[in-house]
Structure formats: structure tokens, C-alpha cells
Amino acid sequence: MVMGPGQMQASLAFDEPVQIPDGSGGTNASWAERYACRAKIRYLRGGETVQAARLAGRQPVVVQIRRCAAAEAITTAWRMRDVRTGAIFNIRTVVPTDDRRWLEVTAERGVA
């Protein structure tokens, strides 16, 4: 798959969950940025579900990023963040493309 630099318009960061000491012997859950890159985002058909008597919108996306050692570390426990808008996406799958040069990350916004 040939992709020019003009198609990589999104600026994304990938955050890993971490435990930070709270000073009282316990820990607080937080996120730490582990990888940032340019990407191509393809929006898929979204939907709405009723949760707690409210409509909740879901927006699935497929993101294409260059494959490297840092990108290979991304797991479904991580989250994806749009650096420009601050939108948070939950990562569902991370799959290499057929040519093994790219990773396709399927993620969803608006879900836990």
C-alpha cells in the first residue's frame, strides 16, 4: 500500500496505563504517553446505544501508522489520543498490514 506524506494528517499519541504512588502507601491509576506519531484516520459508520437511560454515541475508526519497535509495543490495554482535539479512543485491535510496513489500529470513541 503506497501512502504519501500528505495523507498522514492526524497527530496521535498512545498512552499506557500506569500506577503512581499516592504518598499514603497506595497508588493512583493514570496514563503515561509512550508513543506519538502521524497517522491516517479512516472513520467508520458509528452508532448510538442506550446506556443508563441516555444515548451514547460510538465512533469506530481505523488508524494507519508506520510500523516500528515503539509502535509494536501498543496493546489493547493502551488508549489512543488525538493530540489536536484531545479526543480519547479505546484501542480494540492492532494488526500489521499485508505488506508488514504499517500497523492498522482499530479504536472506538465514546465507549469505556
PDB file of N, CA and C in Angstrom:
ATOM      1  N   MET A   1       0.849  -1.171   0.000  1.00  0.00           N
ATOM      2  CA  MET A   1       0.000   0.000   0.000  1.00  0.00           C
ATOM      3  C   MET A   1       0.896   1.235   0.000  1.00  0.00           C
ATOM      4  N   VAL A   2       0.760   2.057  -0.998  1.00  0.00           N
ATOM      5  CA  VAL A   2       1.551   3.274  -1.108  1.00  0.00           C
ATOM      6  C   VAL A   2       0.780   4.416  -0.472  1.00  0.00           C
ATOM      7  N   MET A   3       1.452   5.111   0.437  1.00  0.00           N
ATOM      8  CA  MET A   3       0.804   6.233   1.108  1.00  0.00           C
ATOM      9  C   MET A   3       1.778   7.402   1.120  1.00  0.00           C
ATOM     10  N   GLY A   4       1.337   8.522   0.600  1.00  0.00           N
ATOM     11  CA  GLY A   4       2.165   9.712   0.585  1.00  0.00           C
ATOM     12  C   GLY A   4       2.135  10.436   1.914  1.00  0.00           C
ATOM     13  N   PRO A   5       3.108  11.320   2.142  1.00  0.00           N
ATOM     14  CA  PRO A   5       3.162  12.039   3.413  1.00  0.00           C
ATOM     15  C   PRO A   5       1.965  12.956   3.636  1.00  0.00           C
ATOM     16  N   GLY A   6       1.302  13.396   2.592  1.00  0.00           N
ATOM     17  CA  GLY A   6       0.146  14.267   2.741  1.00  0.00           C
ATOM     18  C   GLY A   6      -1.074  13.576   3.318  1.00  0.00           C
ATOM     19  N   GLN A   7      -1.089  12.250   3.291  1.00  0.00           N
ATOM     20  CA  GLN A   7      -2.226  11.501   3.821  1.00  0.00           C
ATOM     21  C   GLN A   7      -2.125  11.271   5.327  1.00  0.00           C
ATOM     22  N   MET A   8      -0.951  11.453   5.892  1.00  0.00           N
ATOM     23  CA  MET A   8      -0.740  11.249   7.329  1.00  0.00           C
ATOM     24  C   MET A   8      -1.001  12.570   8.044  1.00  0.00           C
ATOM     25  N   GLN A   9      -2.274  12.953   8.149  1.00  0.00           N
ATOM     26  CA  GLN A   9      -2.616  14.280   8.647  1.00  0.00           C
ATOM     27  C   GLN A   9      -2.933  14.334  10.132  1.00  0.00           C
ATOM     28  N   ALA A  10      -3.232  13.219  10.754  1.00  0.00           N
ATOM     29  CA  ALA A  10      -3.591  13.221  12.179  1.00  0.00           C
ATOM     30  C   ALA A  10      -2.335  13.114  13.038  1.00  0.00           C
ATOM     31  N   SER A  11      -2.355  13.787  14.158  1.00  0.00           N
ATOM     32  CA  SER A  11      -1.271  13.720  15.129  1.00  0.00           C
ATOM     33  C   SER A  11      -1.801  12.987  16.360  1.00  0.00           C
ATOM     34  N   LEU A  12      -1.266  11.789  16.609  1.00  0.00           N
ATOM     35  CA  LEU A  12      -1.794  10.933  17.668  1.00  0.00           C
ATOM     36  C   LEU A  12      -0.741  10.616  18.717  1.00  0.00           C
ATOM     37  N   ALA A  13      -1.215  10.332  19.917  1.00  0.00           N
ATOM     38  CA  ALA A  13      -0.361   9.847  21.000  1.00  0.00           C
ATOM     39  C   ALA A  13      -0.992   8.577  21.552  1.00  0.00           C
ATOM     40  N   PHE A  14      -0.148   7.655  21.954  1.00  0.00           N
ATOM     41  CA  PHE A  14      -0.611   6.400  22.534  1.00  0.00           C
ATOM     42  C   PHE A  14      -0.164   6.360  23.989  1.00  0.00           C
ATOM     43  N   ASP A  15      -1.128   6.191  24.894  1.00  0.00           N
ATOM     44  CA  ASP A  15      -0.883   6.250  26.331  1.00  0.00           C
ATOM     45  C   ASP A  15      -1.031   4.868  26.957  1.00  0.00           C
ATOM     46  N   GLU A  16      -0.111   4.555  27.870  1.00  0.00           N
ATOM     47  CA  GLU A  16      -0.135   3.291  28.601  1.00  0.00           C
ATOM     48  C   GLU A  16      -0.644   3.539  30.017  1.00  0.00           C
ATOM     49  N   PRO A  17      -1.473   2.638  30.560  1.00  0.00           N
ATOM     50  CA  PRO A  17      -1.915   2.826  31.947  1.00  0.00           C
ATOM     51  C   PRO A  17      -0.758   2.572  32.913  1.00  0.00           C
ATOM     52  N   VAL A  18      -0.627   3.447  33.911  1.00  0.00           N
ATOM     53  CA  VAL A  18       0.429   3.316  34.918  1.00  0.00           C
ATOM     54  C   VAL A  18      -0.163   3.522  36.306  1.00  0.00           C
ATOM     55  N   GLN A  19       0.526   3.019  37.310  1.00  0.00           N
ATOM     56  CA  GLN A  19       0.154   3.208  38.711  1.00  0.00           C
ATOM     57  C   GLN A  19       1.160   4.176  39.332  1.00  0.00           C
ATOM     58  N   ILE A  20       0.670   5.272  39.906  1.00  0.00           N
ATOM     59  CA  ILE A  20       1.519   6.294  40.508  1.00  0.00           C
ATOM     60  C   ILE A  20       1.315   6.260  42.021  1.00  0.00           C
ATOM     61  N   PRO A  21       2.413   6.199  42.805  1.00  0.00           N
ATOM     62  CA  PRO A  21       2.261   6.203  44.265  1.00  0.00           C
ATOM     63  C   PRO A  21       1.559   7.477  44.737  1.00  0.00           C
ATOM     64  N   ASP A  22       0.639   7.326  45.708  1.00  0.00           N
ATOM     65  CA  ASP A  22      -0.109   8.489  46.198  1.00  0.00           C
ATOM     66  C   ASP A  22       0.476   9.083  47.476  1.00  0.00           C
ATOM     67  N   GLY A  23       1.572   8.519  47.973  1.00  0.00           N
ATOM     68  CA  GLY A  23       2.206   9.050  49.167  1.00  0.00           C
ATOM     69  C   GLY A  23       1.660   8.482  50.459  1.00  0.00           C
ATOM     70  N   SER A  24       0.598   7.714  50.390  1.00  0.00           N
ATOM     71  CA  SER A  24       0.000   7.113  51.586  1.00  0.00           C
ATOM     72  C   SER A  24       0.103   5.594  51.564  1.00  0.00           C
ATOM     73  N   GLY A  25       0.963   5.086  50.721  1.00  0.00           N
ATOM     74  CA  GLY A  25       1.129   3.643  50.613  1.00  0.00           C
ATOM     75  C   GLY A  25       0.287   3.006  49.530  1.00  0.00           C
ATOM     76  N   GLY A  26      -0.578   3.765  48.906  1.00  0.00           N
ATOM     77  CA  GLY A  26      -1.426   3.254  47.829  1.00  0.00           C
ATOM     78  C   GLY A  26      -0.959   3.780  46.482  1.00  0.00           C
ATOM     79  N   THR A  27      -1.770   3.554  45.475  1.00  0.00           N
ATOM     80  CA  THR A  27      -1.447   4.040  44.135  1.00  0.00           C
ATOM     81  C   THR A  27      -2.680   4.641  43.483  1.00  0.00           C
ATOM     82  N   ASN A  28      -2.438   5.507  42.531  1.00  0.00           N
ATOM     83  CA  ASN A  28      -3.495   6.094  41.709  1.00  0.00           C
ATOM     84  C   ASN A  28      -3.272   5.661  40.267  1.00  0.00           C
ATOM     85  N   ALA A  29      -4.340   5.317  39.583  1.00  0.00           N
ATOM     86  CA  ALA A  29      -4.242   4.949  38.172  1.00  0.00           C
ATOM     87  C   ALA A  29      -4.151   6.214  37.328  1.00  0.00           C
ATOM     88  N   SER A  30      -3.253   6.199  36.355  1.00  0.00           N
ATOM     89  CA  SER A  30      -3.076   7.344  35.464  1.00  0.00           C
ATOM     90  C   SER A  30      -2.615   6.823  34.104  1.00  0.00           C
ATOM     91  N   TRP A  31      -2.300   7.739  33.205  1.00  0.00           N
ATOM     92  CA  TRP A  31      -1.837   7.391  31.863  1.00  0.00           C
ATOM     93  C   TRP A  31      -0.501   8.074  31.603  1.00  0.00           C
ATOM     94  N   ALA A  32       0.391   7.379  30.887  1.00  0.00           N
ATOM     95  CA  ALA A  32       1.685   7.940  30.506  1.00  0.00           C
ATOM     96  C   ALA A  32       1.851   7.785  29.000  1.00  0.00           C
ATOM     97  N   GLU A  33       2.195   8.878  28.327  1.00  0.00           N
ATOM     98  CA  GLU A  33       2.396   8.825  26.879  1.00  0.00           C
ATOM     99  C   GLU A  33       3.647   8.019  26.576  1.00  0.00           C
ATOM    100  N   ARG A  34       3.508   7.023  25.698  1.00  0.00           N
ATOM    101  CA  ARG A  34       4.627   6.151  25.338  1.00  0.00           C
ATOM    102  C   ARG A  34       5.045   6.281  23.878  1.00  0.00           C
ATOM    103  N   TYR A  35       4.134   6.746  23.027  1.00  0.00           N
ATOM    104  CA  TYR A  35       4.456   6.822  21.605  1.00  0.00           C
ATOM    105  C   TYR A  35       3.599   7.904  20.967  1.00  0.00           C
ATOM    106  N   ALA A  36       4.202   8.708  20.112  1.00  0.00           N
ATOM    107  CA  ALA A  36       3.474   9.745  19.369  1.00  0.00           C
ATOM    108  C   ALA A  36       3.880   9.645  17.905  1.00  0.00           C
ATOM    109  N   CYS A  37       2.921   9.860  17.007  1.00  0.00           N
ATOM    110  CA  CYS A  37       3.215   9.723  15.585  1.00  0.00           C
ATOM    111  C   CYS A  37       2.158  10.431  14.744  1.00  0.00           C
ATOM    112  N   ARG A  38       2.420  10.490  13.462  1.00  0.00           N
ATOM    113  CA  ARG A  38       1.453  10.956  12.474  1.00  0.00           C
ATOM    114  C   ARG A  38       0.699   9.727  11.972  1.00  0.00           C
ATOM    115  N   ALA A  39      -0.546   9.929  11.575  1.00  0.00           N
ATOM    116  CA  ALA A  39      -1.363   8.788  11.172  1.00  0.00           C
ATOM    117  C   ALA A  39      -2.433   9.207  10.175  1.00  0.00           C
ATOM    118  N   LYS A  40      -2.969   8.218   9.502  1.00  0.00           N
ATOM    119  CA  LYS A  40      -4.130   8.402   8.632  1.00  0.00           C
ATOM    120  C   LYS A  40      -5.323   7.786   9.351  1.00  0.00           C
ATOM    121  N   ILE A  41      -6.372   8.590   9.562  1.00  0.00           N
ATOM    122  CA  ILE A  41      -7.572   8.105  10.248  1.00  0.00           C
ATOM    123  C   ILE A  41      -8.686   7.892   9.233  1.00  0.00           C
ATOM    124  N   ARG A  42      -9.313   6.719   9.305  1.00  0.00           N
ATOM    125  CA  ARG A  42     -10.470   6.408   8.470  1.00  0.00           C
ATOM    126  C   ARG A  42     -11.651   6.175   9.408  1.00  0.00           C
ATOM    127  N   TYR A  43     -12.641   7.042   9.334  1.00  0.00           N
ATOM    128  CA  TYR A  43     -13.818   6.932  10.196  1.00  0.00           C
ATOM    129  C   TYR A  43     -14.786   5.915   9.619  1.00  0.00           C
ATOM    130  N   LEU A  44     -15.276   5.028  10.474  1.00  0.00           N
ATOM    131  CA  LEU A  44     -16.255   4.025  10.079  1.00  0.00           C
ATOM    132  C   LEU A  44     -17.636   4.470  10.522  1.00  0.00           C
ATOM    133  N   ARG A  45     -18.644   3.732  10.125  1.00  0.00           N
ATOM    134  CA  ARG A  45     -20.014   4.078  10.498  1.00  0.00           C
ATOM    135  C   ARG A  45     -20.187   3.930  12.005  1.00  0.00           C
ATOM    136  N   GLY A  46     -20.625   4.977  12.642  1.00  0.00           N
ATOM    137  CA  GLY A  46     -20.843   4.970  14.089  1.00  0.00           C
ATOM    138  C   GLY A  46     -22.239   4.507  14.438  1.00  0.00           C
ATOM    139  N   GLY A  47     -22.550   4.576  15.711  1.00  0.00           N
ATOM    140  CA  GLY A  47     -23.871   4.169  16.167  1.00  0.00           C
ATOM    141  C   GLY A  47     -24.165   4.763  17.523  1.00  0.00           C
ATOM    142  N   GLU A  48     -25.377   4.556  17.965  1.00  0.00           N
ATOM    143  CA  GLU A  48     -25.783   5.036  19.281  1.00  0.00           C
ATOM    144  C   GLU A  48     -26.413   3.887  20.042  1.00  0.00           C
ATOM    145  N   THR A  49     -26.116   3.820  21.325  1.00  0.00           N
ATOM    146  CA  THR A  49     -26.732   2.827  22.194  1.00  0.00           C
ATOM    147  C   THR A  49     -27.320   3.546  23.395  1.00  0.00           C
ATOM    148  N   VAL A  50     -28.276   2.915  24.028  1.00  0.00           N
ATOM    149  CA  VAL A  50     -28.875   3.492  25.227  1.00  0.00           C
ATOM    150  C   VAL A  50     -28.161   2.905  26.435  1.00  0.00           C
ATOM    151  N   GLN A  51     -27.552   3.787  27.235  1.00  0.00           N
ATOM    152  CA  GLN A  51     -26.884   3.374  28.462  1.00  0.00           C
ATOM    153  C   GLN A  51     -27.338   4.298  29.576  1.00  0.00           C
ATOM    154  N   ALA A  52     -27.820   3.723  30.650  1.00  0.00           N
ATOM    155  CA  ALA A  52     -28.300   4.498  31.807  1.00  0.00           C
ATOM    156  C   ALA A  52     -29.334   5.526  31.368  1.00  0.00           C
ATOM    157  N   ALA A  53     -30.260   5.106  30.520  1.00  0.00           N
ATOM    158  CA  ALA A  53     -31.363   5.942  30.029  1.00  0.00           C
ATOM    159  C   ALA A  53     -30.889   7.142  29.218  1.00  0.00           C
ATOM    160  N   ARG A  54     -29.678   7.054  28.653  1.00  0.00           N
ATOM    161  CA  ARG A  54     -29.150   8.131  27.802  1.00  0.00           C
ATOM    162  C   ARG A  54     -28.581   7.525  26.526  1.00  0.00           C
ATOM    163  N   LEU A  55     -28.626   8.306  25.467  1.00  0.00           N
ATOM    164  CA  LEU A  55     -27.997   7.869  24.232  1.00  0.00           C
ATOM    165  C   LEU A  55     -26.498   8.083  24.341  1.00  0.00           C
ATOM    166  N   ALA A  56     -25.744   7.072  23.963  1.00  0.00           N
ATOM    167  CA  ALA A  56     -24.289   7.165  23.978  1.00  0.00           C
ATOM    168  C   ALA A  56     -23.788   6.909  22.563  1.00  0.00           C
ATOM    169  N   GLY A  57     -23.110   7.888  21.973  1.00  0.00           N
ATOM    170  CA  GLY A  57     -22.591   7.746  20.619  1.00  0.00           C
ATOM    171  C   GLY A  57     -21.279   6.986  20.604  1.00  0.00           C
ATOM    172  N   ARG A  58     -21.098   6.156  19.580  1.00  0.00           N
ATOM    173  CA  ARG A  58     -19.870   5.390  19.408  1.00  0.00           C
ATOM    174  C   ARG A  58     -19.323   5.688  18.028  1.00  0.00           C
ATOM    175  N   GLN A  59     -18.027   5.993  17.945  1.00  0.00           N
ATOM    176  CA  GLN A  59     -17.409   6.292  16.669  1.00  0.00           C
ATOM    177  C   GLN A  59     -16.189   5.397  16.469  1.00  0.00           C
ATOM    178  N   PRO A  60     -16.332   4.302  15.700  1.00  0.00           N
ATOM    179  CA  PRO A  60     -15.168   3.464  15.422  1.00  0.00           C
ATOM    180  C   PRO A  60     -14.294   4.083  14.328  1.00  0.00           C
ATOM    181  N   VAL A  61     -12.978   3.866  14.452  1.00  0.00           N
ATOM    182  CA  VAL A  61     -12.020   4.360  13.468  1.00  0.00           C
ATOM    183  C   VAL A  61     -10.982   3.277  13.202  1.00  0.00           C
ATOM    184  N   VAL A  62     -10.381   3.345  12.024  1.00  0.00           N
ATOM    185  CA  VAL A  62      -9.209   2.534  11.706  1.00  0.00           C
ATOM    186  C   VAL A  62      -8.089   3.519  11.420  1.00  0.00           C
ATOM    187  N   VAL A  63      -6.998   3.374  12.156  1.00  0.00           N
ATOM    188  CA  VAL A  63      -5.871   4.294  12.058  1.00  0.00           C
ATOM    189  C   VAL A  63      -4.682   3.541  11.492  1.00  0.00           C
ATOM    190  N   GLN A  64      -4.023   4.139  10.517  1.00  0.00           N
ATOM    191  CA  GLN A  64      -2.853   3.516   9.925  1.00  0.00           C
ATOM    192  C   GLN A  64      -1.619   4.296  10.355  1.00  0.00           C
ATOM    193  N   ILE A  65      -0.658   3.584  10.993  1.00  0.00           N
ATOM    194  CA  ILE A  65       0.589   4.199  11.445  1.00  0.00           C
ATOM    195  C   ILE A  65       1.764   3.393  10.909  1.00  0.00           C
ATOM    196  N   ARG A  66       2.932   4.037  10.832  1.00  0.00           N
ATOM    197  CA  ARG A  66       4.131   3.335  10.386  1.00  0.00           C
ATOM    198  C   ARG A  66       4.544   2.312  11.444  1.00  0.00           C
ATOM    199  N   ARG A  67       4.990   1.181  10.982  1.00  0.00           N
ATOM    200  CA  ARG A  67       5.399   0.111  11.892  1.00  0.00           C
ATOM    201  C   ARG A  67       6.842   0.342  12.334  1.00  0.00           C
ATOM    202  N   CYS A  68       7.075   0.287  13.627  1.00  0.00           N
ATOM    203  CA  CYS A  68       8.414   0.398  14.203  1.00  0.00           C
ATOM    204  C   CYS A  68       8.391  -0.306  15.555  1.00  0.00           C
ATOM    205  N   ALA A  69       9.528  -0.389  16.224  1.00  0.00           N
ATOM    206  CA  ALA A  69       9.599  -1.090  17.511  1.00  0.00           C
ATOM    207  C   ALA A  69       8.683  -0.448  18.545  1.00  0.00           C
ATOM    208  N   ALA A  70       8.632   0.879  18.579  1.00  0.00           N
ATOM    209  CA  ALA A  70       7.778   1.571  19.551  1.00  0.00           C
ATOM    210  C   ALA A  70       6.302   1.320  19.257  1.00  0.00           C
ATOM    211  N   ALA A  71       5.930   1.294  17.982  1.00  0.00           N
ATOM    212  CA  ALA A  71       4.534   1.048  17.613  1.00  0.00           C
ATOM    213  C   ALA A  71       4.143  -0.402  17.898  1.00  0.00           C
ATOM    214  N   GLU A  72       5.092  -1.321  17.781  1.00  0.00           N
ATOM    215  CA  GLU A  72       4.812  -2.736  18.060  1.00  0.00           C
ATOM    216  C   GLU A  72       4.432  -2.959  19.521  1.00  0.00           C
ATOM    217  N   ALA A  73       4.820  -2.054  20.411  1.00  0.00           N
ATOM    218  CA  ALA A  73       4.531  -2.204  21.841  1.00  0.00           C
ATOM    219  C   ALA A  73       3.084  -1.870  22.187  1.00  0.00           C
ATOM    220  N   ILE A  74       2.350  -1.237  21.281  1.00  0.00           N
ATOM    221  CA  ILE A  74       0.965  -0.830  21.546  1.00  0.00           C
ATOM    222  C   ILE A  74       0.096  -2.068  21.754  1.00  0.00           C
ATOM    223  N   THR A  75      -0.720  -2.040  22.822  1.00  0.00           N
ATOM    224  CA  THR A  75      -1.632  -3.148  23.113  1.00  0.00           C
ATOM    225  C   THR A  75      -3.050  -2.605  23.288  1.00  0.00           C
ATOM    226  N   THR A  76      -3.991  -3.506  23.451  1.00  0.00           N
ATOM    227  CA  THR A  76      -5.382  -3.100  23.654  1.00  0.00           C
ATOM    228  C   THR A  76      -5.616  -2.523  25.048  1.00  0.00           C
ATOM    229  N   ALA A  77      -4.652  -2.633  25.939  1.00  0.00           N
ATOM    230  CA  ALA A  77      -4.770  -2.014  27.267  1.00  0.00           C
ATOM    231  C   ALA A  77      -4.484  -0.512  27.197  1.00  0.00           C
ATOM    232  N   TRP A  78      -3.836  -0.071  26.130  1.00  0.00           N
ATOM    233  CA  TRP A  78      -3.488   1.335  25.957  1.00  0.00           C
ATOM    234  C   TRP A  78      -4.691   2.105  25.428  1.00  0.00           C
ATOM    235  N   ARG A  79      -4.547   3.427  25.366  1.00  0.00           N
ATOM    236  CA  ARG A  79      -5.555   4.273  24.733  1.00  0.00           C
ATOM    237  C   ARG A  79      -4.862   5.140  23.691  1.00  0.00           C
ATOM    238  N   MET A  80      -5.646   5.624  22.751  1.00  0.00           N
ATOM    239  CA  MET A  80      -5.146   6.493  21.694  1.00  0.00           C
ATOM    240  C   MET A  80      -5.757   7.872  21.902  1.00  0.00           C
ATOM    241  N   ARG A  81      -4.942   8.915  21.709  1.00  0.00           N
ATOM    242  CA  ARG A  81      -5.408  10.278  21.949  1.00  0.00           C
ATOM    243  C   ARG A  81      -5.060  11.146  20.749  1.00  0.00           C
ATOM    244  N   ASP A  82      -6.054  11.885  20.248  1.00  0.00           N
ATOM    245  CA  ASP A  82      -5.821  12.857  19.185  1.00  0.00           C
ATOM    246  C   ASP A  82      -5.205  14.084  19.847  1.00  0.00           C
ATOM    247  N   VAL A  83      -3.973  14.405  19.483  1.00  0.00           N
ATOM    248  CA  VAL A  83      -3.239  15.495  20.138  1.00  0.00           C
ATOM    249  C   VAL A  83      -3.907  16.839  19.887  1.00  0.00           C
ATOM    250  N   ARG A  84      -4.462  17.037  18.704  1.00  0.00           N
ATOM    251  CA  ARG A  84      -5.074  18.336  18.369  1.00  0.00           C
ATOM    252  C   ARG A  84      -6.400  18.571  19.073  1.00  0.00           C
ATOM    253  N   THR A  85      -7.265  17.565  19.089  1.00  0.00           N
ATOM    254  CA  THR A  85      -8.616  17.754  19.634  1.00  0.00           C
ATOM    255  C   THR A  85      -8.768  17.249  21.066  1.00  0.00           C
ATOM    256  N   GLY A  86      -7.866  16.401  21.508  1.00  0.00           N
ATOM    257  CA  GLY A  86      -7.976  15.819  22.837  1.00  0.00           C
ATOM    258  C   GLY A  86      -8.917  14.626  22.899  1.00  0.00           C
ATOM    259  N   ALA A  87      -9.441  14.185  21.767  1.00  0.00           N
ATOM    260  CA  ALA A  87     -10.358  13.037  21.735  1.00  0.00           C
ATOM    261  C   ALA A  87      -9.632  11.770  22.183  1.00  0.00           C
ATOM    262  N   ILE A  88     -10.310  10.981  23.003  1.00  0.00           N
ATOM    263  CA  ILE A  88      -9.754   9.738  23.543  1.00  0.00           C
ATOM    264  C   ILE A  88     -10.444   8.552  22.868  1.00  0.00           C
ATOM    265  N   PHE A  89      -9.639   7.582  22.433  1.00  0.00           N
ATOM    266  CA  PHE A  89     -10.149   6.379  21.783  1.00  0.00           C
ATOM    267  C   PHE A  89      -9.647   5.152  22.538  1.00  0.00           C
ATOM    268  N   ASN A  90     -10.505   4.162  22.704  1.00  0.00           N
ATOM    269  CA  ASN A  90     -10.110   2.877  23.278  1.00  0.00           C
ATOM    270  C   ASN A  90      -9.658   1.967  22.145  1.00  0.00           C
ATOM    271  N   ILE A  91      -8.486   1.391  22.286  1.00  0.00           N
ATOM    272  CA  ILE A  91      -7.919   0.534  21.248  1.00  0.00           C
ATOM    273  C   ILE A  91      -8.560  -0.844  21.329  1.00  0.00           C
ATOM    274  N   ARG A  92      -9.046  -1.328  20.186  1.00  0.00           N
ATOM    275  CA  ARG A  92      -9.685  -2.647  20.115  1.00  0.00           C
ATOM    276  C   ARG A  92      -8.746  -3.702  19.528  1.00  0.00           C
ATOM    277  N   THR A  93      -8.040  -3.379  18.433  1.00  0.00           N
ATOM    278  CA  THR A  93      -7.096  -4.322  17.826  1.00  0.00           C
ATOM    279  C   THR A  93      -5.915  -3.564  17.243  1.00  0.00           C
ATOM    280  N   VAL A  94      -4.782  -4.254  17.150  1.00  0.00           N
ATOM    281  CA  VAL A  94      -3.585  -3.733  16.482  1.00  0.00           C
ATOM    282  C   VAL A  94      -3.100  -4.843  15.564  1.00  0.00           C
ATOM    283  N   VAL A  95      -3.164  -4.596  14.247  1.00  0.00           N
ATOM    284  CA  VAL A  95      -2.874  -5.635  13.262  1.00  0.00           C
ATOM    285  C   VAL A  95      -1.917  -5.083  12.207  1.00  0.00           C
ATOM    286  N   PRO A  96      -0.856  -5.839  11.842  1.00  0.00           N
ATOM    287  CA  PRO A  96       0.010  -5.391  10.750  1.00  0.00           C
ATOM    288  C   PRO A  96      -0.694  -5.568   9.402  1.00  0.00           C
ATOM    289  N   THR A  97      -0.363  -4.700   8.447  1.00  0.00           N
ATOM    290  CA  THR A  97      -0.922  -4.822   7.100  1.00  0.00           C
ATOM    291  C   THR A  97      -0.235  -5.978   6.374  1.00  0.00           C
ATOM    292  N   ASP A  98      -0.759  -6.333   5.217  1.00  0.00           N
ATOM    293  CA  ASP A  98      -0.201  -7.450   4.453  1.00  0.00           C
ATOM    294  C   ASP A  98       1.248  -7.213   4.049  1.00  0.00           C
ATOM    295  N   ASP A  99       1.602  -5.965   3.755  1.00  0.00           N
ATOM    296  CA  ASP A  99       2.974  -5.676   3.343  1.00  0.00           C
ATOM    297  C   ASP A  99       3.921  -5.504   4.532  1.00  0.00           C
ATOM    298  N   ARG A 100       3.398  -5.575   5.763  1.00  0.00           N
ATOM    299  CA  ARG A 100       4.159  -5.527   7.018  1.00  0.00           C
ATOM    300  C   ARG A 100       4.868  -4.188   7.257  1.00  0.00           C
ATOM    301  N   ARG A 101       4.516  -3.140   6.517  1.00  0.00           N
ATOM    302  CA  ARG A 101       5.142  -1.826   6.695  1.00  0.00           C
ATOM    303  C   ARG A 101       4.328  -0.923   7.597  1.00  0.00           C
ATOM    304  N   TRP A 102       3.057  -1.248   7.805  1.00  0.00           N
ATOM    305  CA  TRP A 102       2.143  -0.402   8.563  1.00  0.00           C
ATOM    306  C   TRP A 102       1.434  -1.220   9.628  1.00  0.00           C
ATOM    307  N   LEU A 103       0.900  -0.535  10.616  1.00  0.00           N
ATOM    308  CA  LEU A 103       0.006  -1.153  11.590  1.00  0.00           C
ATOM    309  C   LEU A 103      -1.354  -0.498  11.449  1.00  0.00           C
ATOM    310  N   GLU A 104      -2.402  -1.299  11.485  1.00  0.00           N
ATOM    311  CA  GLU A 104      -3.763  -0.775  11.494  1.00  0.00           C
ATOM    312  C   GLU A 104      -4.324  -0.947  12.898  1.00  0.00           C
ATOM    313  N   VAL A 105      -4.670   0.175  13.503  1.00  0.00           N
ATOM    314  CA  VAL A 105      -5.213   0.187  14.857  1.00  0.00           C
ATOM    315  C   VAL A 105      -6.704   0.470  14.753  1.00  0.00           C
ATOM    316  N   THR A 106      -7.520  -0.467  15.206  1.00  0.00           N
ATOM    317  CA  THR A 106      -8.961  -0.251  15.265  1.00  0.00           C
ATOM    318  C   THR A 106      -9.273   0.251  16.664  1.00  0.00           C
ATOM    319  N   ALA A 107      -9.944   1.397  16.735  1.00  0.00           N
ATOM    320  CA  ALA A 107     -10.245   2.018  18.026  1.00  0.00           C
ATOM    321  C   ALA A 107     -11.662   2.560  18.005  1.00  0.00           C
ATOM    322  N   GLU A 108     -12.158   2.905  19.189  1.00  0.00           N
ATOM    323  CA  GLU A 108     -13.534   3.374  19.306  1.00  0.00           C
ATOM    324  C   GLU A 108     -13.599   4.523  20.299  1.00  0.00           C
ATOM    325  N   ARG A 109     -14.315   5.553  19.913  1.00  0.00           N
ATOM    326  CA  ARG A 109     -14.526   6.708  20.790  1.00  0.00           C
ATOM    327  C   ARG A 109     -15.942   6.636  21.361  1.00  0.00           C
ATOM    328  N   GLY A 110     -16.086   7.056  22.601  1.00  0.00           N
ATOM    329  CA  GLY A 110     -17.412   7.083  23.208  1.00  0.00           C
ATOM    330  C   GLY A 110     -17.782   5.822  23.946  1.00  0.00           C
ATOM    331  N   VAL A 111     -16.795   4.976  24.239  1.00  0.00           N
ATOM    332  CA  VAL A 111     -17.044   3.751  24.996  1.00  0.00           C
ATOM    333  C   VAL A 111     -16.045   3.656  26.142  1.00  0.00           C
ATOM    334  N   ALA A 112     -16.355   2.809  27.098  1.00  0.00           N
ATOM    335  CA  ALA A 112     -15.445   2.615  28.242  1.00  0.00           C
ATOM    336  C   ALA A 112     -14.453   1.520  27.943  1.00  0.00           C
TER     337      ALA A 112
END
